[in-house]
């Protein structure tokens, strides 16, 4: 059952600073239909889109997970790994993926952050409810946090926006409001 939306006073966020190294991790994950330890250092050299979601067996979460899966090829074209994470166990992930039609062909890892260390390190753990908020992090190939978005638990994130931001970051330039892939970046005049 989806948790009620916390009030702002219920949640204290301490997200990684932009432009600083993302927290290192070694966490158990569901990869296909097997369990593996996923290590952040193994992801160096690639962009990483790490997204947290509150819980398995809920309503909004599978729509996001399926949307990332449907667009996975677009992330791979951009040298970006997609990783999902919740505070559920990998066994819960396995049961849910097997039971939910839109998740049966999941092609990216789901971390089982049952100790809540990863959600806490990334500053998205709702301590009172013991679940992660809908946090999305884009990490560059050097392991530096470049973008953070945190949504209310009741509102799913936009995969289009994550791709747009990833594209913008990969230009290395200045991207104005509404910028999309193929648009010119800004050139400051001095």
N, C-alpha and C. Protein backbone atom coordinates (compact mmCIF):
# COMPACT_ATOMS: atom_id res chain seq x y z
N UNK A 1 0.84 -1.17 0.00
CA UNK A 1 0.00 0.00 0.00
C UNK A 1 0.89 1.24 0.00
N UNK A 2 0.55 2.22 -0.84
CA UNK A 2 1.35 3.43 -0.93
C UNK A 2 1.23 4.23 0.36
N UNK A 3 2.36 4.67 0.86
CA UNK A 3 2.37 5.46 2.09
C UNK A 3 1.75 6.81 1.84
N UNK A 4 1.15 7.41 2.88
CA UNK A 4 0.65 8.77 2.71
C UNK A 4 1.81 9.71 2.45
N UNK A 5 1.52 10.77 1.74
CA UNK A 5 2.55 11.75 1.44
C UNK A 5 2.97 12.46 2.71
N UNK A 6 4.28 12.46 3.02
CA UNK A 6 4.73 13.14 4.23
C UNK A 6 4.64 14.65 4.08
N UNK A 7 4.50 15.34 5.17
CA UNK A 7 4.53 16.79 5.13
C UNK A 7 5.98 17.23 5.14
N UNK A 8 6.28 18.45 4.68
CA UNK A 8 7.66 18.90 4.62
C UNK A 8 8.40 18.79 5.95
N UNK A 9 7.71 18.92 7.07
CA UNK A 9 8.39 18.84 8.36
C UNK A 9 8.77 17.40 8.72
N UNK A 10 8.18 16.41 8.01
CA UNK A 10 8.47 15.01 8.30
C UNK A 10 9.77 14.52 7.67
N UNK A 11 10.23 15.20 6.64
CA UNK A 11 11.37 14.71 5.87
C UNK A 11 12.50 15.72 5.92
N UNK A 12 13.70 15.23 6.23
CA UNK A 12 14.92 16.05 6.24
C UNK A 12 15.82 15.52 5.14
N UNK A 13 16.13 16.35 4.18
CA UNK A 13 16.96 15.92 3.06
C UNK A 13 18.39 16.40 3.25
N UNK A 14 19.33 15.53 2.93
CA UNK A 14 20.75 15.87 2.94
C UNK A 14 21.36 15.21 1.71
N UNK A 15 21.00 15.74 0.54
CA UNK A 15 21.44 15.13 -0.71
C UNK A 15 22.90 15.46 -1.00
N UNK A 16 23.56 14.61 -1.78
CA UNK A 16 24.95 14.90 -2.15
C UNK A 16 25.05 16.23 -2.88
N UNK A 17 26.10 16.96 -2.61
CA UNK A 17 26.29 18.26 -3.24
C UNK A 17 26.59 18.10 -4.72
N UNK A 18 25.98 18.95 -5.52
CA UNK A 18 26.27 18.95 -6.95
C UNK A 18 27.73 19.31 -7.15
N UNK A 19 28.35 18.65 -8.10
CA UNK A 19 29.75 18.91 -8.38
C UNK A 19 30.70 18.17 -7.45
N UNK A 20 30.17 17.36 -6.55
CA UNK A 20 30.98 16.57 -5.61
C UNK A 20 30.81 15.09 -5.91
N UNK A 21 31.77 14.27 -5.47
CA UNK A 21 31.63 12.84 -5.70
C UNK A 21 30.34 12.28 -5.09
N UNK A 22 29.68 11.43 -5.85
CA UNK A 22 28.50 10.73 -5.36
C UNK A 22 28.95 9.70 -4.32
N UNK A 23 28.10 9.36 -3.38
CA UNK A 23 28.47 8.33 -2.40
C UNK A 23 28.83 7.01 -3.09
N UNK A 24 29.91 6.41 -2.64
CA UNK A 24 30.31 5.09 -3.15
C UNK A 24 29.38 4.04 -2.55
N UNK A 25 29.18 2.94 -3.29
CA UNK A 25 28.32 1.89 -2.75
C UNK A 25 28.71 0.52 -3.29
N UNK A 26 28.33 -0.48 -2.56
CA UNK A 26 28.38 -1.88 -2.96
C UNK A 26 27.12 -2.50 -2.38
N UNK A 27 26.10 -2.69 -3.21
CA UNK A 27 24.78 -3.12 -2.74
C UNK A 27 24.28 -4.32 -3.54
N UNK A 28 23.51 -5.17 -2.87
CA UNK A 28 22.91 -6.31 -3.55
C UNK A 28 21.78 -5.82 -4.46
N UNK A 29 21.76 -6.38 -5.67
CA UNK A 29 20.77 -5.96 -6.65
C UNK A 29 20.21 -7.16 -7.40
N UNK A 30 18.99 -6.99 -7.87
CA UNK A 30 18.39 -7.94 -8.79
C UNK A 30 18.84 -7.52 -10.19
N UNK A 31 19.54 -8.42 -10.88
CA UNK A 31 20.02 -8.16 -12.24
C UNK A 31 19.49 -9.30 -13.10
N UNK A 32 18.52 -9.01 -13.91
CA UNK A 32 17.82 -10.08 -14.62
C UNK A 32 17.02 -10.87 -13.61
N UNK A 33 17.35 -12.14 -13.45
CA UNK A 33 16.68 -12.98 -12.45
C UNK A 33 17.67 -13.53 -11.43
N UNK A 34 18.83 -12.87 -11.32
CA UNK A 34 19.83 -13.31 -10.34
C UNK A 34 20.23 -12.15 -9.44
N UNK A 35 20.86 -12.48 -8.34
CA UNK A 35 21.30 -11.48 -7.37
C UNK A 35 22.81 -11.27 -7.55
N UNK A 36 23.20 -9.99 -7.58
CA UNK A 36 24.61 -9.62 -7.73
C UNK A 36 24.90 -8.44 -6.84
N UNK A 37 26.18 -8.29 -6.49
CA UNK A 37 26.61 -7.09 -5.79
C UNK A 37 26.97 -6.06 -6.84
N UNK A 38 26.30 -4.91 -6.77
CA UNK A 38 26.54 -3.82 -7.71
C UNK A 38 27.44 -2.80 -7.02
N UNK A 39 28.57 -2.50 -7.64
CA UNK A 39 29.56 -1.59 -7.05
C UNK A 39 29.67 -0.32 -7.89
N UNK A 40 29.66 0.80 -7.20
CA UNK A 40 29.73 2.08 -7.90
C UNK A 40 31.02 2.21 -8.71
N UNK A 41 32.13 1.68 -8.20
CA UNK A 41 33.39 1.83 -8.94
C UNK A 41 33.36 1.09 -10.27
N UNK A 42 32.54 0.05 -10.39
CA UNK A 42 32.42 -0.68 -11.66
C UNK A 42 31.68 0.15 -12.71
N UNK A 43 31.04 1.22 -12.29
CA UNK A 43 30.28 2.07 -13.20
C UNK A 43 31.10 3.25 -13.71
N UNK A 44 32.29 3.44 -13.18
CA UNK A 44 33.14 4.55 -13.63
C UNK A 44 33.36 4.46 -15.13
N UNK A 45 33.42 5.60 -15.77
CA UNK A 45 33.57 5.64 -17.22
C UNK A 45 32.24 5.72 -17.95
N UNK A 46 31.14 5.58 -17.21
CA UNK A 46 29.80 5.69 -17.79
C UNK A 46 29.01 6.72 -16.99
N UNK A 47 28.03 7.32 -17.63
CA UNK A 47 27.06 8.11 -16.92
C UNK A 47 26.15 7.14 -16.16
N UNK A 48 25.63 7.56 -15.04
CA UNK A 48 24.73 6.72 -14.25
C UNK A 48 23.48 7.52 -13.92
N UNK A 49 22.33 6.92 -14.17
CA UNK A 49 21.05 7.46 -13.72
C UNK A 49 20.58 6.51 -12.62
N UNK A 50 20.67 6.99 -11.40
CA UNK A 50 20.24 6.22 -10.22
C UNK A 50 18.94 6.82 -9.74
N UNK A 51 17.89 6.00 -9.72
CA UNK A 51 16.62 6.53 -9.23
C UNK A 51 16.11 5.66 -8.09
N UNK A 52 15.60 6.34 -7.07
CA UNK A 52 15.01 5.69 -5.91
C UNK A 52 13.49 5.76 -6.04
N UNK A 53 12.84 4.72 -5.57
CA UNK A 53 11.38 4.71 -5.52
C UNK A 53 10.96 4.14 -4.16
N UNK A 54 9.76 4.48 -3.69
CA UNK A 54 9.38 4.10 -2.33
C UNK A 54 9.28 2.60 -2.05
N UNK A 55 8.49 1.86 -2.83
CA UNK A 55 8.24 0.46 -2.46
C UNK A 55 7.81 -0.38 -3.66
N UNK A 56 8.13 -1.66 -3.58
CA UNK A 56 7.58 -2.64 -4.51
C UNK A 56 6.09 -2.82 -4.20
N UNK A 57 5.37 -3.39 -5.13
CA UNK A 57 3.95 -3.73 -4.97
C UNK A 57 3.09 -2.49 -4.67
N UNK A 58 3.41 -1.39 -5.33
CA UNK A 58 2.61 -0.17 -5.16
C UNK A 58 2.08 0.25 -6.53
N UNK A 59 1.65 1.48 -6.65
CA UNK A 59 0.91 1.89 -7.84
C UNK A 59 1.69 2.78 -8.79
N UNK A 60 2.35 3.81 -8.29
CA UNK A 60 3.10 4.73 -9.15
C UNK A 60 4.45 4.12 -9.55
N UNK A 61 5.08 3.41 -8.63
CA UNK A 61 6.43 2.88 -8.85
C UNK A 61 6.56 2.03 -10.12
N UNK A 62 5.65 1.09 -10.39
CA UNK A 62 5.85 0.28 -11.59
C UNK A 62 5.74 1.09 -12.88
N UNK A 63 4.99 2.19 -12.85
CA UNK A 63 4.89 3.01 -14.06
C UNK A 63 6.23 3.64 -14.39
N UNK A 64 6.96 4.06 -13.35
CA UNK A 64 8.28 4.66 -13.56
C UNK A 64 9.29 3.61 -14.00
N UNK A 65 9.30 2.47 -13.32
CA UNK A 65 10.26 1.41 -13.63
C UNK A 65 10.04 0.93 -15.06
N UNK A 66 8.79 0.74 -15.46
CA UNK A 66 8.49 0.32 -16.82
C UNK A 66 8.89 1.39 -17.83
N UNK A 67 8.67 2.66 -17.51
CA UNK A 67 9.03 3.74 -18.43
C UNK A 67 10.54 3.80 -18.66
N UNK A 68 11.33 3.66 -17.60
CA UNK A 68 12.78 3.62 -17.78
C UNK A 68 13.17 2.41 -18.62
N UNK A 69 12.52 1.29 -18.40
CA UNK A 69 12.84 0.07 -19.15
C UNK A 69 12.53 0.24 -20.64
N UNK A 70 11.38 0.86 -20.93
CA UNK A 70 10.99 1.09 -22.33
C UNK A 70 11.97 2.00 -23.05
N UNK A 71 12.61 2.90 -22.32
CA UNK A 71 13.51 3.89 -22.92
C UNK A 71 14.99 3.55 -22.68
N UNK A 72 15.26 2.35 -22.16
CA UNK A 72 16.63 1.97 -21.80
C UNK A 72 17.61 2.13 -22.96
N UNK A 73 17.19 1.77 -24.16
CA UNK A 73 18.07 1.91 -25.33
C UNK A 73 18.55 3.34 -25.53
N UNK A 74 17.70 4.32 -25.22
CA UNK A 74 18.09 5.72 -25.36
C UNK A 74 19.16 6.10 -24.34
N UNK A 75 19.08 5.53 -23.15
CA UNK A 75 20.12 5.78 -22.15
C UNK A 75 21.42 5.10 -22.57
N UNK A 76 21.31 3.87 -23.06
CA UNK A 76 22.51 3.15 -23.49
C UNK A 76 23.21 3.86 -24.64
N UNK A 77 22.45 4.46 -25.56
CA UNK A 77 23.04 5.24 -26.66
C UNK A 77 23.86 6.42 -26.13
N UNK A 78 23.53 6.86 -24.93
CA UNK A 78 24.21 8.00 -24.30
C UNK A 78 25.27 7.54 -23.29
N UNK A 79 25.65 6.26 -23.35
CA UNK A 79 26.64 5.68 -22.43
C UNK A 79 26.20 5.85 -20.97
N UNK A 80 24.92 5.64 -20.72
CA UNK A 80 24.38 5.80 -19.37
C UNK A 80 23.77 4.49 -18.88
N UNK A 81 24.15 4.11 -17.68
CA UNK A 81 23.54 2.98 -16.99
C UNK A 81 22.35 3.47 -16.20
N UNK A 82 21.27 2.71 -16.20
CA UNK A 82 20.09 3.03 -15.39
C UNK A 82 20.03 2.02 -14.25
N UNK A 83 19.83 2.52 -13.04
CA UNK A 83 19.74 1.67 -11.85
C UNK A 83 18.59 2.16 -11.00
N UNK A 84 17.70 1.26 -10.61
CA UNK A 84 16.62 1.58 -9.69
C UNK A 84 16.98 1.09 -8.30
N UNK A 85 16.39 1.70 -7.28
CA UNK A 85 16.67 1.29 -5.89
C UNK A 85 15.48 1.60 -5.01
N UNK A 86 15.21 0.68 -4.09
CA UNK A 86 14.22 0.92 -3.04
C UNK A 86 14.73 0.23 -1.78
N UNK A 87 14.03 0.43 -0.68
CA UNK A 87 14.43 -0.18 0.58
C UNK A 87 13.85 -1.59 0.75
N UNK A 88 13.29 -2.14 -0.32
CA UNK A 88 12.81 -3.52 -0.30
C UNK A 88 13.99 -4.48 -0.45
N UNK A 89 13.77 -5.75 -0.20
CA UNK A 89 14.80 -6.76 -0.40
C UNK A 89 14.86 -7.14 -1.88
N UNK A 90 15.96 -7.74 -2.28
CA UNK A 90 16.06 -8.23 -3.65
C UNK A 90 15.05 -9.36 -3.89
N UNK A 91 14.67 -10.08 -2.84
CA UNK A 91 13.67 -11.13 -2.96
C UNK A 91 12.30 -10.52 -3.27
N UNK A 92 12.01 -9.40 -2.66
CA UNK A 92 10.77 -8.68 -2.96
C UNK A 92 10.80 -8.21 -4.41
N UNK A 93 11.95 -7.65 -4.85
CA UNK A 93 12.08 -7.23 -6.25
C UNK A 93 11.80 -8.40 -7.18
N UNK A 94 12.40 -9.56 -6.91
CA UNK A 94 12.24 -10.73 -7.76
C UNK A 94 10.77 -11.16 -7.84
N UNK A 95 10.09 -11.19 -6.71
CA UNK A 95 8.68 -11.56 -6.69
C UNK A 95 7.82 -10.57 -7.44
N UNK A 96 8.11 -9.29 -7.26
CA UNK A 96 7.31 -8.23 -7.89
C UNK A 96 7.52 -8.23 -9.40
N UNK A 97 8.78 -8.32 -9.83
CA UNK A 97 9.09 -8.32 -11.25
C UNK A 97 8.44 -9.53 -11.93
N UNK A 98 8.43 -10.66 -11.25
CA UNK A 98 7.80 -11.86 -11.80
C UNK A 98 6.29 -11.79 -11.85
N UNK A 99 5.71 -11.02 -10.93
CA UNK A 99 4.25 -10.96 -10.83
C UNK A 99 3.62 -9.84 -11.66
N UNK A 100 4.39 -8.83 -11.98
CA UNK A 100 3.84 -7.64 -12.65
C UNK A 100 4.17 -7.69 -14.14
N UNK A 101 3.17 -7.79 -14.97
CA UNK A 101 3.37 -7.98 -16.41
C UNK A 101 4.32 -6.95 -17.01
N UNK A 102 4.14 -5.66 -16.67
CA UNK A 102 4.96 -4.61 -17.29
C UNK A 102 6.41 -4.61 -16.80
N UNK A 103 6.73 -5.44 -15.80
CA UNK A 103 8.10 -5.51 -15.28
C UNK A 103 8.81 -6.81 -15.65
N UNK A 104 8.13 -7.72 -16.28
CA UNK A 104 8.70 -9.06 -16.54
C UNK A 104 9.97 -9.04 -17.38
N UNK A 105 10.11 -8.06 -18.25
CA UNK A 105 11.28 -7.98 -19.11
C UNK A 105 12.26 -6.89 -18.66
N UNK A 106 12.34 -6.66 -17.37
CA UNK A 106 13.21 -5.61 -16.84
C UNK A 106 14.66 -5.89 -17.23
N UNK A 107 15.34 -4.87 -17.78
CA UNK A 107 16.69 -5.04 -18.30
C UNK A 107 17.74 -4.24 -17.57
N UNK A 108 17.43 -3.69 -16.43
CA UNK A 108 18.44 -2.96 -15.64
C UNK A 108 18.31 -3.38 -14.18
N UNK A 109 19.36 -3.14 -13.37
CA UNK A 109 19.36 -3.59 -11.98
C UNK A 109 18.40 -2.82 -11.07
N UNK A 110 17.86 -3.54 -10.08
CA UNK A 110 17.12 -2.94 -8.98
C UNK A 110 17.87 -3.27 -7.69
N UNK A 111 18.35 -2.25 -7.02
CA UNK A 111 19.08 -2.44 -5.76
C UNK A 111 18.09 -2.67 -4.63
N UNK A 112 18.39 -3.64 -3.78
CA UNK A 112 17.62 -3.91 -2.57
C UNK A 112 18.34 -3.28 -1.39
N UNK A 113 17.97 -2.06 -1.07
CA UNK A 113 18.64 -1.28 -0.02
C UNK A 113 17.96 -1.52 1.33
N UNK A 114 17.87 -2.78 1.72
CA UNK A 114 17.12 -3.14 2.92
C UNK A 114 17.73 -2.53 4.19
N UNK A 115 19.04 -2.27 4.19
CA UNK A 115 19.68 -1.62 5.35
C UNK A 115 19.50 -0.10 5.33
N UNK A 116 18.99 0.39 4.20
CA UNK A 116 18.68 1.81 4.02
C UNK A 116 19.94 2.69 3.96
N UNK A 117 21.09 2.09 3.78
CA UNK A 117 22.34 2.86 3.76
C UNK A 117 22.46 3.71 2.50
N UNK A 118 22.02 3.18 1.37
CA UNK A 118 22.14 3.92 0.13
C UNK A 118 21.17 5.10 0.08
N UNK A 119 19.90 4.85 0.45
CA UNK A 119 18.92 5.94 0.48
C UNK A 119 19.35 7.02 1.46
N UNK A 120 19.91 6.62 2.58
CA UNK A 120 20.40 7.59 3.56
C UNK A 120 21.59 8.36 3.01
N UNK A 121 22.54 7.66 2.38
CA UNK A 121 23.73 8.32 1.83
C UNK A 121 23.36 9.33 0.75
N UNK A 122 22.31 9.03 -0.03
CA UNK A 122 21.88 9.94 -1.09
C UNK A 122 20.85 10.96 -0.58
N UNK A 123 20.51 10.89 0.70
CA UNK A 123 19.66 11.90 1.31
C UNK A 123 18.19 11.81 0.95
N UNK A 124 17.73 10.63 0.55
CA UNK A 124 16.33 10.50 0.14
C UNK A 124 15.53 9.55 1.04
N UNK A 125 16.09 9.19 2.17
CA UNK A 125 15.38 8.29 3.07
C UNK A 125 14.40 9.06 3.94
N UNK A 126 13.15 8.67 3.88
CA UNK A 126 12.15 9.19 4.81
C UNK A 126 12.28 8.30 6.05
N UNK A 127 12.99 8.80 7.04
CA UNK A 127 13.30 8.01 8.24
C UNK A 127 12.04 7.55 8.97
N UNK A 128 11.02 8.40 9.01
CA UNK A 128 9.80 8.06 9.73
C UNK A 128 9.08 6.87 9.10
N UNK A 129 9.07 6.82 7.77
CA UNK A 129 8.37 5.73 7.08
C UNK A 129 9.31 4.60 6.67
N UNK A 130 10.62 4.85 6.72
CA UNK A 130 11.58 3.82 6.35
C UNK A 130 11.63 3.49 4.88
N UNK A 131 11.22 4.44 4.04
CA UNK A 131 11.23 4.23 2.59
C UNK A 131 11.94 5.40 1.91
N UNK A 132 12.36 5.15 0.68
CA UNK A 132 13.02 6.19 -0.10
C UNK A 132 11.99 7.08 -0.77
N UNK A 133 12.33 8.35 -0.88
CA UNK A 133 11.54 9.27 -1.69
C UNK A 133 11.88 9.02 -3.16
N UNK A 134 11.15 9.65 -4.06
CA UNK A 134 11.41 9.50 -5.49
C UNK A 134 12.56 10.42 -5.91
N UNK A 135 13.77 10.01 -5.60
CA UNK A 135 14.95 10.79 -5.94
C UNK A 135 15.61 10.25 -7.20
N UNK A 136 16.07 11.16 -8.05
CA UNK A 136 16.78 10.80 -9.27
C UNK A 136 18.11 11.53 -9.27
N UNK A 137 19.17 10.80 -9.58
CA UNK A 137 20.53 11.34 -9.57
C UNK A 137 21.21 11.01 -10.89
N UNK A 138 21.80 12.02 -11.51
CA UNK A 138 22.64 11.79 -12.69
C UNK A 138 24.07 12.00 -12.23
N UNK A 139 24.88 10.96 -12.45
CA UNK A 139 26.27 10.93 -12.01
C UNK A 139 27.14 10.81 -13.26
N UNK A 140 28.17 11.63 -13.36
CA UNK A 140 29.00 11.62 -14.57
C UNK A 140 30.02 10.48 -14.55
N UNK A 141 30.75 10.27 -15.65
CA UNK A 141 31.68 9.15 -15.73
C UNK A 141 32.81 9.18 -14.70
N UNK A 142 33.06 10.33 -14.08
CA UNK A 142 34.07 10.43 -13.03
C UNK A 142 33.49 10.20 -11.64
N UNK A 143 32.18 9.92 -11.57
CA UNK A 143 31.54 9.66 -10.28
C UNK A 143 31.05 10.89 -9.55
N UNK A 144 30.89 11.99 -10.27
CA UNK A 144 30.46 13.27 -9.68
C UNK A 144 28.96 13.46 -9.88
N UNK A 145 28.27 13.86 -8.83
CA UNK A 145 26.83 14.14 -8.90
C UNK A 145 26.62 15.41 -9.72
N UNK A 146 25.85 15.30 -10.79
CA UNK A 146 25.63 16.44 -11.68
C UNK A 146 24.20 16.95 -11.68
N UNK A 147 23.24 16.12 -11.25
CA UNK A 147 21.84 16.56 -11.25
C UNK A 147 21.07 15.74 -10.22
N UNK A 148 20.17 16.42 -9.52
CA UNK A 148 19.34 15.78 -8.50
C UNK A 148 17.91 16.28 -8.67
N UNK A 149 16.96 15.36 -8.60
CA UNK A 149 15.55 15.73 -8.61
C UNK A 149 14.86 14.84 -7.58
N UNK A 150 14.03 15.44 -6.75
CA UNK A 150 13.28 14.66 -5.75
C UNK A 150 11.81 15.03 -5.88
N UNK A 151 11.00 14.02 -6.14
CA UNK A 151 9.56 14.22 -6.31
C UNK A 151 8.81 13.79 -5.06
N UNK A 152 7.65 14.36 -4.87
CA UNK A 152 6.72 13.92 -3.86
C UNK A 152 6.38 12.45 -4.13
N UNK A 153 6.10 11.69 -3.09
CA UNK A 153 5.82 10.27 -3.27
C UNK A 153 4.63 9.99 -4.17
N UNK A 154 3.72 10.92 -4.26
CA UNK A 154 2.51 10.71 -5.05
C UNK A 154 2.68 11.05 -6.53
N UNK A 155 3.83 11.61 -6.90
CA UNK A 155 4.02 12.09 -8.27
C UNK A 155 5.19 11.36 -8.94
N UNK A 156 4.91 10.67 -10.03
CA UNK A 156 5.95 9.98 -10.78
C UNK A 156 6.84 10.96 -11.53
N UNK A 157 8.07 10.53 -11.75
CA UNK A 157 9.03 11.39 -12.46
C UNK A 157 8.85 11.26 -13.97
N UNK A 158 9.49 12.16 -14.70
CA UNK A 158 9.43 12.18 -16.16
C UNK A 158 10.73 11.63 -16.73
N UNK A 159 10.65 10.52 -17.44
CA UNK A 159 11.83 9.96 -18.10
C UNK A 159 12.29 10.90 -19.21
N UNK A 160 11.35 11.59 -19.87
CA UNK A 160 11.73 12.58 -20.88
C UNK A 160 12.64 13.64 -20.28
N UNK A 161 12.31 14.12 -19.09
CA UNK A 161 13.12 15.16 -18.45
C UNK A 161 14.50 14.62 -18.05
N UNK A 162 14.56 13.39 -17.57
CA UNK A 162 15.85 12.81 -17.21
C UNK A 162 16.73 12.72 -18.45
N UNK A 163 16.18 12.28 -19.58
CA UNK A 163 16.95 12.22 -20.82
C UNK A 163 17.36 13.62 -21.29
N UNK A 164 16.47 14.59 -21.17
CA UNK A 164 16.80 15.96 -21.58
C UNK A 164 17.96 16.51 -20.77
N UNK A 165 17.92 16.29 -19.46
CA UNK A 165 18.99 16.78 -18.59
C UNK A 165 20.30 16.04 -18.88
N UNK A 166 20.23 14.74 -19.08
CA UNK A 166 21.42 13.97 -19.43
C UNK A 166 22.04 14.51 -20.72
N UNK A 167 21.22 14.74 -21.72
CA UNK A 167 21.71 15.32 -22.98
C UNK A 167 22.37 16.67 -22.73
N UNK A 168 21.73 17.51 -21.94
CA UNK A 168 22.27 18.84 -21.66
C UNK A 168 23.63 18.74 -20.95
N UNK A 169 23.71 17.88 -19.96
CA UNK A 169 24.98 17.72 -19.24
C UNK A 169 26.07 17.20 -20.16
N UNK A 170 25.72 16.32 -21.08
CA UNK A 170 26.72 15.75 -21.97
C UNK A 170 27.24 16.73 -23.01
N UNK A 171 26.55 17.86 -23.22
CA UNK A 171 27.08 18.87 -24.16
C UNK A 171 28.29 19.57 -23.59
N UNK A 172 28.36 19.67 -22.25
CA UNK A 172 29.44 20.43 -21.63
C UNK A 172 29.24 21.93 -21.77
N UNK A 173 28.12 22.34 -22.36
CA UNK A 173 27.86 23.76 -22.59
C UNK A 173 26.78 24.30 -21.68
N UNK A 174 26.39 25.53 -21.97
CA UNK A 174 25.33 26.20 -21.23
C UNK A 174 24.02 25.98 -21.98
N UNK A 175 23.05 25.39 -21.32
CA UNK A 175 21.78 25.04 -21.97
C UNK A 175 20.65 25.87 -21.36
N UNK A 176 19.98 26.67 -22.18
CA UNK A 176 18.91 27.52 -21.66
C UNK A 176 17.65 26.72 -21.30
N UNK A 177 16.74 27.40 -20.66
CA UNK A 177 15.45 26.82 -20.31
C UNK A 177 14.79 26.25 -21.56
N UNK A 178 14.28 25.04 -21.45
CA UNK A 178 13.59 24.41 -22.56
C UNK A 178 14.52 23.79 -23.60
N UNK A 179 15.83 23.83 -23.36
CA UNK A 179 16.79 23.25 -24.31
C UNK A 179 16.48 21.79 -24.55
N UNK A 180 16.61 21.33 -25.79
CA UNK A 180 16.49 19.91 -26.10
C UNK A 180 17.64 19.51 -27.02
N UNK A 181 17.87 18.23 -27.08
CA UNK A 181 18.95 17.66 -27.89
C UNK A 181 18.87 18.19 -29.32
N UNK A 182 20.01 18.66 -29.81
CA UNK A 182 20.07 19.22 -31.15
C UNK A 182 20.02 20.74 -31.16
N UNK A 183 19.49 21.35 -30.10
CA UNK A 183 19.48 22.80 -30.01
C UNK A 183 20.89 23.32 -29.76
N UNK A 184 21.12 24.57 -30.14
CA UNK A 184 22.40 25.20 -29.85
C UNK A 184 22.51 25.48 -28.36
N UNK A 185 23.73 25.39 -27.87
CA UNK A 185 23.99 25.81 -26.48
C UNK A 185 24.32 27.31 -26.52
N UNK A 186 24.33 27.92 -25.36
CA UNK A 186 24.62 29.35 -25.28
C UNK A 186 26.13 29.60 -25.31
N UNK A 187 26.48 30.71 -25.92
CA UNK A 187 27.88 31.13 -25.92
C UNK A 187 27.92 32.50 -25.26
N UNK A 188 28.44 32.55 -24.03
CA UNK A 188 28.48 33.82 -23.32
C UNK A 188 29.32 34.85 -24.06
N UNK A 189 28.77 36.05 -24.16
CA UNK A 189 29.53 37.15 -24.77
C UNK A 189 30.06 38.01 -23.65
N UNK A 190 31.34 38.30 -23.75
CA UNK A 190 31.97 39.09 -22.70
C UNK A 190 32.29 40.48 -23.21
